Amino acid sequence: MKNAFVETENYARFQSALKELERRGADEARLIIVDGEPGLGKTTILDRWATQTGCIYMRAAKQWTPIWFLETLLGAFRLPAPSSFKRGFGQAMDALVQRRTACALARRPFAVVIDEADHISRSIDIVESIRDFCDIAEVPFVLVGMGKIRANLTRYPQVTSRVSKYVRFERASLADVRALMDGLCDVPVADDLVGFTRQAADGFNREVKEAIANIERFGKRNGNGEGNPVRLAQMAGQTLLNDRKSGQPIIVPEAL
């Protein structure tokens, strides 16, 4: 499978949120909340965006404490672990301001992405630290979760009032699956197999990529290439992917 990044409709939704952040009315509204079911490409998109732009990407752990959060943030700047929360908070604030200033001079965006943010959305101490960093350092934060983060943050109106945009990742459309096939699969894939994959994967990117790997192996074994795409009927009786709910393989039927 090709090592490529495919710009899906969810990627476009996130990019739209970034543009709205730049046009925001309230200067303190520097939070973006990204959520959606597991397997929709949130981590792939946010990690890739952070890498391309030079922004900071962190993955929250369930056991995160305020000091652990600061250690991780400082580690992203290659700074040593703090001796105390107070000292670490000051070091992180200085590092964020310096990076934001440097990026502004270079006319590059800067933000901090925290993936798996459901884990911290009930921690008032961590959430308040993020609010302080947004307000004082003037750095946007992107919190990425799997559905609980919106509800959890509603208990903190002082935080939700600073949300510039909520981005809900949706299941892949037929056009998304076509784009993923074209961008990732080393053999061409016919439209009928693309449509069946969308149905079998139920729109989850993770399962679509599993199907692409199986289609690619099948196509290479059977000589498929330019002008001879892998078709649905050709793969009859082959395993396309595993069902997310049952764990059982989904077999391409002999006839539809």
C-alpha atoms as a PDB file:
ATOM      1  CA  MET A   1       0.000   0.000   0.000  1.00  0.00           C
ATOM      2  CA  LYS A   2       1.265   3.476  -0.871  1.00  0.00           C
ATOM      3  CA  ASN A   3       2.570   5.689   1.900  1.00  0.00           C
ATOM      4  CA  ALA A   4       0.415   8.671   0.989  1.00  0.00           C
ATOM      5  CA  PHE A   5      -1.945  11.108   2.667  1.00  0.00           C
ATOM      6  CA  VAL A   6      -5.425  11.366   1.183  1.00  0.00           C
ATOM      7  CA  GLU A   7      -7.431  14.540   1.716  1.00  0.00           C
ATOM      8  CA  THR A   8     -10.908  13.331   2.656  1.00  0.00           C
ATOM      9  CA  GLU A   9     -14.038  15.288   3.481  1.00  0.00           C
ATOM     10  CA  ASN A  10     -13.103  15.148   7.171  1.00  0.00           C
ATOM     11  CA  TYR A  11      -9.786  16.788   6.333  1.00  0.00           C
ATOM     12  CA  ALA A  12     -11.720  19.536   4.541  1.00  0.00           C
ATOM     13  CA  ARG A  13     -13.915  20.000   7.620  1.00  0.00           C
ATOM     14  CA  PHE A  14     -10.851  20.466   9.811  1.00  0.00           C
ATOM     15  CA  GLN A  15      -9.275  22.914   7.378  1.00  0.00           C
ATOM     16  CA  SER A  16     -12.514  24.911   7.356  1.00  0.00           C
ATOM     17  CA  ALA A  17     -12.369  25.102  11.160  1.00  0.00           C
ATOM     18  CA  LEU A  18      -8.813  26.458  10.979  1.00  0.00           C
ATOM     19  CA  LYS A  19      -9.944  29.201   8.610  1.00  0.00           C
ATOM     20  CA  GLU A  20     -12.791  30.103  10.947  1.00  0.00           C
ATOM     21  CA  LEU A  21     -10.302  30.276  13.813  1.00  0.00           C
ATOM     22  CA  GLU A  22      -8.380  32.922  11.898  1.00  0.00           C
ATOM     23  CA  ARG A  23     -11.597  34.893  11.332  1.00  0.00           C
ATOM     24  CA  ARG A  24     -12.915  34.530  14.884  1.00  0.00           C
ATOM     25  CA  GLY A  25     -14.624  37.484  16.521  1.00  0.00           C
ATOM     26  CA  ALA A  26     -13.578  36.872  20.132  1.00  0.00           C
ATOM     27  CA  ASP A  27      -9.801  36.961  20.455  1.00  0.00           C
ATOM     28  CA  GLU A  28      -9.819  34.478  23.339  1.00  0.00           C
ATOM     29  CA  ALA A  29     -11.742  31.839  21.337  1.00  0.00           C
ATOM     30  CA  ARG A  30      -8.723  29.688  20.515  1.00  0.00           C
ATOM     31  CA  LEU A  31     -10.050  26.164  21.123  1.00  0.00           C
ATOM     32  CA  ILE A  32     -11.055  23.709  18.410  1.00  0.00           C
ATOM     33  CA  ILE A  33     -12.820  20.504  19.436  1.00  0.00           C
ATOM     34  CA  VAL A  34     -12.559  17.564  17.029  1.00  0.00           C
ATOM     35  CA  ASP A  35     -14.569  14.445  17.793  1.00  0.00           C
ATOM     36  CA  GLY A  36     -16.048  11.377  16.152  1.00  0.00           C
ATOM     37  CA  GLU A  37     -16.152   7.589  16.371  1.00  0.00           C
ATOM     38  CA  PRO A  38     -12.911   5.563  16.440  1.00  0.00           C
ATOM     39  CA  GLY A  39     -11.580   4.648  13.011  1.00  0.00           C
ATOM     40  CA  LEU A  40     -12.534   7.808  11.106  1.00  0.00           C
ATOM     41  CA  GLY A  41      -9.010   9.116  10.566  1.00  0.00           C
ATOM     42  CA  LYS A  42      -8.800  11.738  13.325  1.00  0.00           C
ATOM     43  CA  THR A  43      -5.335  10.716  14.512  1.00  0.00           C
ATOM     44  CA  THR A  44      -4.004  10.318  10.958  1.00  0.00           C
ATOM     45  CA  ILE A  45      -5.225  13.751   9.910  1.00  0.00           C
ATOM     46  CA  LEU A  46      -4.232  15.678  13.032  1.00  0.00           C
ATOM     47  CA  ASP A  47      -0.824  14.012  13.363  1.00  0.00           C
ATOM     48  CA  ARG A  48      -0.091  14.660   9.697  1.00  0.00           C
ATOM     49  CA  TRP A  49      -1.217  18.286   9.922  1.00  0.00           C
ATOM     50  CA  ALA A  50       0.903  18.905  13.023  1.00  0.00           C
ATOM     51  CA  THR A  51       3.950  17.342  11.365  1.00  0.00           C
ATOM     52  CA  GLN A  52       3.538  19.344   8.169  1.00  0.00           C
ATOM     53  CA  THR A  53       3.065  22.673   9.957  1.00  0.00           C
ATOM     54  CA  GLY A  54       5.552  22.180  12.776  1.00  0.00           C
ATOM     55  CA  CYS A  55       2.815  22.293  15.400  1.00  0.00           C
ATOM     56  CA  ILE A  56       2.898  20.197  18.551  1.00  0.00           C
ATOM     57  CA  TYR A  57       1.070  16.862  18.682  1.00  0.00           C
ATOM     58  CA  MET A  58       0.544  15.055  21.995  1.00  0.00           C
ATOM     59  CA  ARG A  59      -1.471  11.985  22.938  1.00  0.00           C
ATOM     60  CA  ALA A  60      -3.172  12.165  26.327  1.00  0.00           C
ATOM     61  CA  ALA A  61      -3.031   9.158  28.616  1.00  0.00           C
ATOM     62  CA  LYS A  62      -5.856   8.043  30.880  1.00  0.00           C
ATOM     63  CA  GLN A  63      -3.559   8.440  33.889  1.00  0.00           C
ATOM     64  CA  TRP A  64      -2.459  11.981  33.028  1.00  0.00           C
ATOM     65  CA  THR A  65      -2.084  14.273  36.028  1.00  0.00           C
ATOM     66  CA  PRO A  66      -1.473  18.022  35.718  1.00  0.00           C
ATOM     67  CA  ILE A  67       2.282  17.571  36.233  1.00  0.00           C
ATOM     68  CA  TRP A  68       2.401  14.681  33.727  1.00  0.00           C
ATOM     69  CA  PHE A  69       0.607  16.917  31.222  1.00  0.00           C
ATOM     70  CA  LEU A  70       3.257  19.608  31.731  1.00  0.00           C
ATOM     71  CA  GLU A  71       6.071  17.056  31.420  1.00  0.00           C
ATOM     72  CA  THR A  72       4.681  15.906  28.075  1.00  0.00           C
ATOM     73  CA  LEU A  73       4.232  19.454  26.827  1.00  0.00           C
ATOM     74  CA  LEU A  74       7.753  20.450  27.878  1.00  0.00           C
ATOM     75  CA  GLY A  75       9.092  17.259  26.315  1.00  0.00           C
ATOM     76  CA  ALA A  76       7.649  18.384  22.977  1.00  0.00           C
ATOM     77  CA  PHE A  77       9.929  21.424  23.289  1.00  0.00           C
ATOM     78  CA  ARG A  78      12.815  19.138  24.357  1.00  0.00           C
ATOM     79  CA  LEU A  79      12.870  20.731  27.777  1.00  0.00           C
ATOM     80  CA  PRO A  80      13.541  18.724  30.977  1.00  0.00           C
ATOM     81  CA  ALA A  81      10.807  17.602  33.336  1.00  0.00           C
ATOM     82  CA  PRO A  82       9.893  20.313  35.847  1.00  0.00           C
ATOM     83  CA  SER A  83      10.764  20.141  39.540  1.00  0.00           C
ATOM     84  CA  SER A  84       7.314  21.474  40.456  1.00  0.00           C
ATOM     85  CA  PHE A  85       4.009  22.307  38.806  1.00  0.00           C
ATOM     86  CA  LYS A  86       4.555  26.041  39.280  1.00  0.00           C
ATOM     87  CA  ARG A  87       7.981  25.945  37.672  1.00  0.00           C
ATOM     88  CA  GLY A  88       6.800  23.692  34.856  1.00  0.00           C
ATOM     89  CA  PHE A  89       3.814  25.912  34.125  1.00  0.00           C
ATOM     90  CA  GLY A  90       6.066  28.943  33.777  1.00  0.00           C
ATOM     91  CA  GLN A  91       8.512  27.076  31.548  1.00  0.00           C
ATOM     92  CA  ALA A  92       5.696  25.837  29.318  1.00  0.00           C
ATOM     93  CA  MET A  93       4.199  29.316  29.079  1.00  0.00           C
ATOM     94  CA  ASP A  94       7.546  30.797  28.039  1.00  0.00           C
ATOM     95  CA  ALA A  95       8.136  28.045  25.475  1.00  0.00           C
ATOM     96  CA  LEU A  96       4.680  28.488  23.943  1.00  0.00           C
ATOM     97  CA  VAL A  97       5.069  32.264  23.676  1.00  0.00           C
ATOM     98  CA  GLN A  98       8.500  31.957  22.069  1.00  0.00           C
ATOM     99  CA  ARG A  99       7.322  29.372  19.538  1.00  0.00           C
ATOM    100  CA  ARG A 100       4.151  31.333  18.741  1.00  0.00           C
ATOM    101  CA  THR A 101       6.184  34.522  18.210  1.00  0.00           C
ATOM    102  CA  ALA A 102       8.706  32.771  15.965  1.00  0.00           C
ATOM    103  CA  CYS A 103       5.947  31.183  13.886  1.00  0.00           C
ATOM    104  CA  ALA A 104       4.132  34.513  13.556  1.00  0.00           C
ATOM    105  CA  LEU A 105       7.295  36.160  12.233  1.00  0.00           C
ATOM    106  CA  ALA A 106       7.696  33.302   9.757  1.00  0.00           C
ATOM    107  CA  ARG A 107       3.985  33.550   8.895  1.00  0.00           C
ATOM    108  CA  ARG A 108       3.384  29.947   9.867  1.00  0.00           C
ATOM    109  CA  PRO A 109       0.525  28.614  11.988  1.00  0.00           C
ATOM    110  CA  PHE A 110       1.172  27.312  15.470  1.00  0.00           C
ATOM    111  CA  ALA A 111      -1.092  25.251  17.703  1.00  0.00           C
ATOM    112  CA  VAL A 112      -1.001  22.381  20.178  1.00  0.00           C
ATOM    113  CA  VAL A 113      -2.948  19.214  19.318  1.00  0.00           C
ATOM    114  CA  ILE A 114      -3.965  16.903  22.166  1.00  0.00           C
ATOM    115  CA  ASP A 115      -5.292  13.575  20.896  1.00  0.00           C
ATOM    116  CA  GLU A 116      -7.365  11.218  23.095  1.00  0.00           C
ATOM    117  CA  ALA A 117      -8.502  14.326  24.961  1.00  0.00           C
ATOM    118  CA  ASP A 118     -11.529  12.501  26.397  1.00  0.00           C
ATOM    119  CA  HIS A 119      -9.081  11.344  29.079  1.00  0.00           C
ATOM    120  CA  ILE A 120      -8.495  14.881  30.329  1.00  0.00           C
ATOM    121  CA  SER A 121     -11.863  16.509  29.658  1.00  0.00           C
ATOM    122  CA  ARG A 122     -13.004  15.779  33.236  1.00  0.00           C
ATOM    123  CA  SER A 123      -9.816  17.115  34.847  1.00  0.00           C
ATOM    124  CA  ILE A 124     -10.524  20.696  35.837  1.00  0.00           C
ATOM    125  CA  ASP A 125      -6.854  21.311  36.651  1.00  0.00           C
ATOM    126  CA  ILE A 126      -5.621  20.269  33.197  1.00  0.00           C
ATOM    127  CA  VAL A 127      -8.513  21.958  31.405  1.00  0.00           C
ATOM    128  CA  GLU A 128      -7.880  25.206  33.289  1.00  0.00           C
ATOM    129  CA  SER A 129      -4.169  25.029  32.421  1.00  0.00           C
ATOM    130  CA  ILE A 130      -5.096  24.697  28.755  1.00  0.00           C
ATOM    131  CA  ARG A 131      -7.404  27.699  29.093  1.00  0.00           C
ATOM    132  CA  ASP A 132      -4.571  29.721  30.636  1.00  0.00           C
ATOM    133  CA  PHE A 133      -2.188  28.760  27.848  1.00  0.00           C
ATOM    134  CA  CYS A 134      -4.798  29.775  25.252  1.00  0.00           C
ATOM    135  CA  ASP A 135      -5.480  33.120  26.948  1.00  0.00           C
ATOM    136  CA  ILE A 136      -2.026  34.177  28.121  1.00  0.00           C
ATOM    137  CA  ALA A 137       0.281  32.585  25.553  1.00  0.00           C
ATOM    138  CA  GLU A 138      -2.315  33.239  22.817  1.00  0.00           C
ATOM    139  CA  VAL A 139      -1.823  29.751  21.402  1.00  0.00           C
ATOM    140  CA  PRO A 140      -4.697  27.726  19.897  1.00  0.00           C
ATOM    141  CA  PHE A 141      -5.275  24.215  21.236  1.00  0.00           C
ATOM    142  CA  VAL A 142      -6.987  21.439  19.260  1.00  0.00           C
ATOM    143  CA  LEU A 143      -8.603  18.823  21.514  1.00  0.00           C
ATOM    144  CA  VAL A 144      -9.373  15.539  19.772  1.00  0.00           C
ATOM    145  CA  GLY A 145     -11.811  13.046  21.282  1.00  0.00           C
ATOM    146  CA  MET A 146     -14.204  10.191  20.534  1.00  0.00           C
ATOM    147  CA  GLY A 147     -17.574  11.622  21.472  1.00  0.00           C
ATOM    148  CA  LYS A 148     -17.419  12.292  25.221  1.00  0.00           C
ATOM    149  CA  ILE A 149     -15.358  15.444  25.113  1.00  0.00           C
ATOM    150  CA  ARG A 150     -18.216  17.806  24.187  1.00  0.00           C
ATOM    151  CA  ALA A 151     -20.457  16.594  27.004  1.00  0.00           C
ATOM    152  CA  ASN A 152     -17.620  16.592  29.524  1.00  0.00           C
ATOM    153  CA  LEU A 153     -16.576  20.152  28.744  1.00  0.00           C
ATOM    154  CA  THR A 154     -20.092  21.546  29.167  1.00  0.00           C
ATOM    155  CA  ARG A 155     -19.494  21.575  32.935  1.00  0.00           C
ATOM    156  CA  TYR A 156     -16.830  24.238  32.341  1.00  0.00           C
ATOM    157  CA  PRO A 157     -18.572  27.226  30.690  1.00  0.00           C
ATOM    158  CA  GLN A 158     -15.414  29.281  31.113  1.00  0.00           C
ATOM    159  CA  VAL A 159     -13.797  26.807  28.699  1.00  0.00           C
ATOM    160  CA  THR A 160     -16.627  26.162  26.240  1.00  0.00           C
ATOM    161  CA  SER A 161     -17.006  29.910  25.761  1.00  0.00           C
ATOM    162  CA  ARG A 162     -13.522  29.799  24.243  1.00  0.00           C
ATOM    163  CA  VAL A 163     -14.346  27.134  21.653  1.00  0.00           C
ATOM    164  CA  SER A 164     -13.992  28.613  18.194  1.00  0.00           C
ATOM    165  CA  LYS A 165     -15.318  25.562  16.335  1.00  0.00           C
ATOM    166  CA  TYR A 166     -16.628  22.043  16.917  1.00  0.00           C
ATOM    167  CA  VAL A 167     -15.639  19.633  14.141  1.00  0.00           C
ATOM    168  CA  ARG A 168     -17.493  16.342  13.907  1.00  0.00           C
ATOM    169  CA  PHE A 169     -15.720  13.689  11.835  1.00  0.00           C
ATOM    170  CA  GLU A 170     -18.192  11.650   9.777  1.00  0.00           C
ATOM    171  CA  ARG A 171     -18.006   8.218   8.194  1.00  0.00           C
ATOM    172  CA  ALA A 172     -16.359   8.091   4.781  1.00  0.00           C
ATOM    173  CA  SER A 173     -18.549   8.892   1.813  1.00  0.00           C
ATOM    174  CA  LEU A 174     -18.379   6.962  -1.454  1.00  0.00           C
ATOM    175  CA  ALA A 175     -16.197   9.771  -2.828  1.00  0.00           C
ATOM    176  CA  ASP A 176     -13.866   9.389   0.175  1.00  0.00           C
ATOM    177  CA  VAL A 177     -13.514   5.642  -0.389  1.00  0.00           C
ATOM    178  CA  ARG A 178     -12.807   6.260  -4.084  1.00  0.00           C
ATOM    179  CA  ALA A 179     -10.127   8.794  -3.114  1.00  0.00           C
ATOM    180  CA  LEU A 180      -8.583   6.377  -0.591  1.00  0.00           C
ATOM    181  CA  MET A 181      -8.489   3.592  -3.183  1.00  0.00           C
ATOM    182  CA  ASP A 182      -6.875   5.858  -5.779  1.00  0.00           C
ATOM    183  CA  GLY A 183      -4.408   7.344  -3.332  1.00  0.00           C
ATOM    184  CA  LEU A 184      -3.343   4.235  -1.411  1.00  0.00           C
ATOM    185  CA  CYS A 185      -3.887   1.114  -3.525  1.00  0.00           C
ATOM    186  CA  ASP A 186      -1.071  -0.031  -5.832  1.00  0.00           C
ATOM    187  CA  VAL A 187      -3.550  -1.625  -8.244  1.00  0.00           C
ATOM    188  CA  PRO A 188      -6.591   0.029  -9.865  1.00  0.00           C
ATOM    189  CA  VAL A 189      -9.993  -0.753  -8.337  1.00  0.00           C
ATOM    190  CA  ALA A 190     -13.287  -0.801 -10.220  1.00  0.00           C
ATOM    191  CA  ASP A 191     -16.254   1.285  -9.086  1.00  0.00           C
ATOM    192  CA  ASP A 192     -18.379  -1.733  -8.138  1.00  0.00           C
ATOM    193  CA  LEU A 193     -15.709  -2.948  -5.689  1.00  0.00           C
ATOM    194  CA  VAL A 194     -15.311   0.575  -4.298  1.00  0.00           C
ATOM    195  CA  GLY A 195     -19.061   0.705  -3.632  1.00  0.00           C
ATOM    196  CA  PHE A 196     -19.097  -2.703  -1.949  1.00  0.00           C
ATOM    197  CA  THR A 197     -16.108  -1.720   0.194  1.00  0.00           C
ATOM    198  CA  ARG A 198     -17.908   1.424   1.355  1.00  0.00           C
ATOM    199  CA  GLN A 199     -20.889  -0.710   2.363  1.00  0.00           C
ATOM    200  CA  ALA A 200     -18.830  -3.457   4.027  1.00  0.00           C
ATOM    201  CA  ALA A 201     -16.612  -0.987   5.920  1.00  0.00           C
ATOM    202  CA  ASP A 202     -19.653   1.058   6.988  1.00  0.00           C
ATOM    203  CA  GLY A 203     -17.667   4.189   6.218  1.00  0.00           C
ATOM    204  CA  PHE A 204     -14.822   3.566   8.671  1.00  0.00           C
ATOM    205  CA  ASN A 205     -11.417   4.534   7.274  1.00  0.00           C
ATOM    206  CA  ARG A 206      -9.660   1.854   9.308  1.00  0.00           C
ATOM    207  CA  GLU A 207     -11.687  -0.914   7.673  1.00  0.00           C
ATOM    208  CA  VAL A 208     -11.363   0.695   4.231  1.00  0.00           C
ATOM    209  CA  LYS A 209      -7.569   0.541   4.578  1.00  0.00           C
ATOM    210  CA  GLU A 210      -7.811  -3.103   5.621  1.00  0.00           C
ATOM    211  CA  ALA A 211      -9.815  -3.778   2.460  1.00  0.00           C
ATOM    212  CA  ILE A 212      -7.294  -1.894   0.335  1.00  0.00           C
ATOM    213  CA  ALA A 213      -4.469  -4.104   1.624  1.00  0.00           C
ATOM    214  CA  ASN A 214      -6.445  -7.261   0.731  1.00  0.00           C
ATOM    215  CA  ILE A 215      -7.477  -5.917  -2.688  1.00  0.00           C
ATOM    216  CA  GLU A 216      -3.903  -4.930  -3.461  1.00  0.00           C
ATOM    217  CA  ARG A 217      -2.521  -8.366  -2.577  1.00  0.00           C
ATOM    218  CA  PHE A 218      -5.212 -10.034  -4.668  1.00  0.00           C
ATOM    219  CA  GLY A 219      -4.648  -7.720  -7.624  1.00  0.00           C
ATOM    220  CA  LYS A 220      -0.882  -8.223  -7.649  1.00  0.00           C
ATOM    221  CA  ARG A 221      -1.310 -12.013  -7.525  1.00  0.00           C
ATOM    222  CA  ASN A 222      -3.728 -11.927 -10.433  1.00  0.00           C
ATOM    223  CA  GLY A 223      -1.964  -9.451 -12.702  1.00  0.00           C
ATOM    224  CA  ASN A 224      -4.366  -6.539 -12.390  1.00  0.00           C
ATOM    225  CA  GLY A 225      -2.964  -3.224 -13.556  1.00  0.00           C
ATOM    226  CA  GLU A 226      -3.651  -0.222 -15.757  1.00  0.00           C
ATOM    227  CA  GLY A 227      -6.715  -0.873 -17.877  1.00  0.00           C
ATOM    228  CA  ASN A 228      -7.559  -3.979 -15.837  1.00  0.00           C
ATOM    229  CA  PRO A 229      -8.899  -2.907 -12.428  1.00  0.00           C
ATOM    230  CA  VAL A 230      -9.857  -5.377  -9.720  1.00  0.00           C
ATOM    231  CA  ARG A 231     -13.605  -5.908 -10.029  1.00  0.00           C
ATOM    232  CA  LEU A 232     -16.147  -7.105  -7.508  1.00  0.00           C
ATOM    233  CA  ALA A 233     -16.920 -10.338  -9.378  1.00  0.00           C
ATOM    234  CA  GLN A 234     -13.228 -11.135  -9.684  1.00  0.00           C
ATOM    235  CA  MET A 235     -12.851 -11.143  -5.888  1.00  0.00           C
ATOM    236  CA  ALA A 236     -15.881 -13.365  -5.254  1.00  0.00           C
ATOM    237  CA  GLY A 237     -15.178 -15.726  -2.361  1.00  0.00           C
ATOM    238  CA  GLN A 238     -12.246 -13.630  -1.079  1.00  0.00           C
ATOM    239  CA  THR A 239     -12.015 -11.996   2.346  1.00  0.00           C
ATOM    240  CA  LEU A 240     -12.331  -8.227   2.006  1.00  0.00           C
ATOM    241  CA  LEU A 241     -12.096  -7.176   5.664  1.00  0.00           C
ATOM    242  CA  ASN A 242     -13.167  -8.157   9.170  1.00  0.00           C
ATOM    243  CA  ASP A 243     -16.485  -6.980  10.537  1.00  0.00           C
ATOM    244  CA  ARG A 244     -15.958  -4.413  13.302  1.00  0.00           C
ATOM    245  CA  LYS A 245     -18.829  -5.677  15.468  1.00  0.00           C
ATOM    246  CA  SER A 246     -18.536  -9.448  15.124  1.00  0.00           C
ATOM    247  CA  GLY A 247     -14.851  -9.800  14.258  1.00  0.00           C
ATOM    248  CA  GLN A 248     -15.865 -12.210  11.501  1.00  0.00           C
ATOM    249  CA  PRO A 249     -14.441 -11.916   7.967  1.00  0.00           C
ATOM    250  CA  ILE A 250     -16.619 -10.282   5.320  1.00  0.00           C
ATOM    251  CA  ILE A 251     -16.429 -12.364   2.157  1.00  0.00           C
ATOM    252  CA  VAL A 252     -17.075 -10.901  -1.289  1.00  0.00           C
ATOM    253  CA  PRO A 253     -20.265 -12.676  -2.457  1.00  0.00           C
ATOM    254  CA  GLU A 254     -20.484 -14.739  -5.614  1.00  0.00           C
ATOM    255  CA  ALA A 255     -23.328 -12.536  -6.859  1.00  0.00           C
ATOM    256  CA  LEU A 256     -25.239  -9.492  -5.641  1.00  0.00           C
END
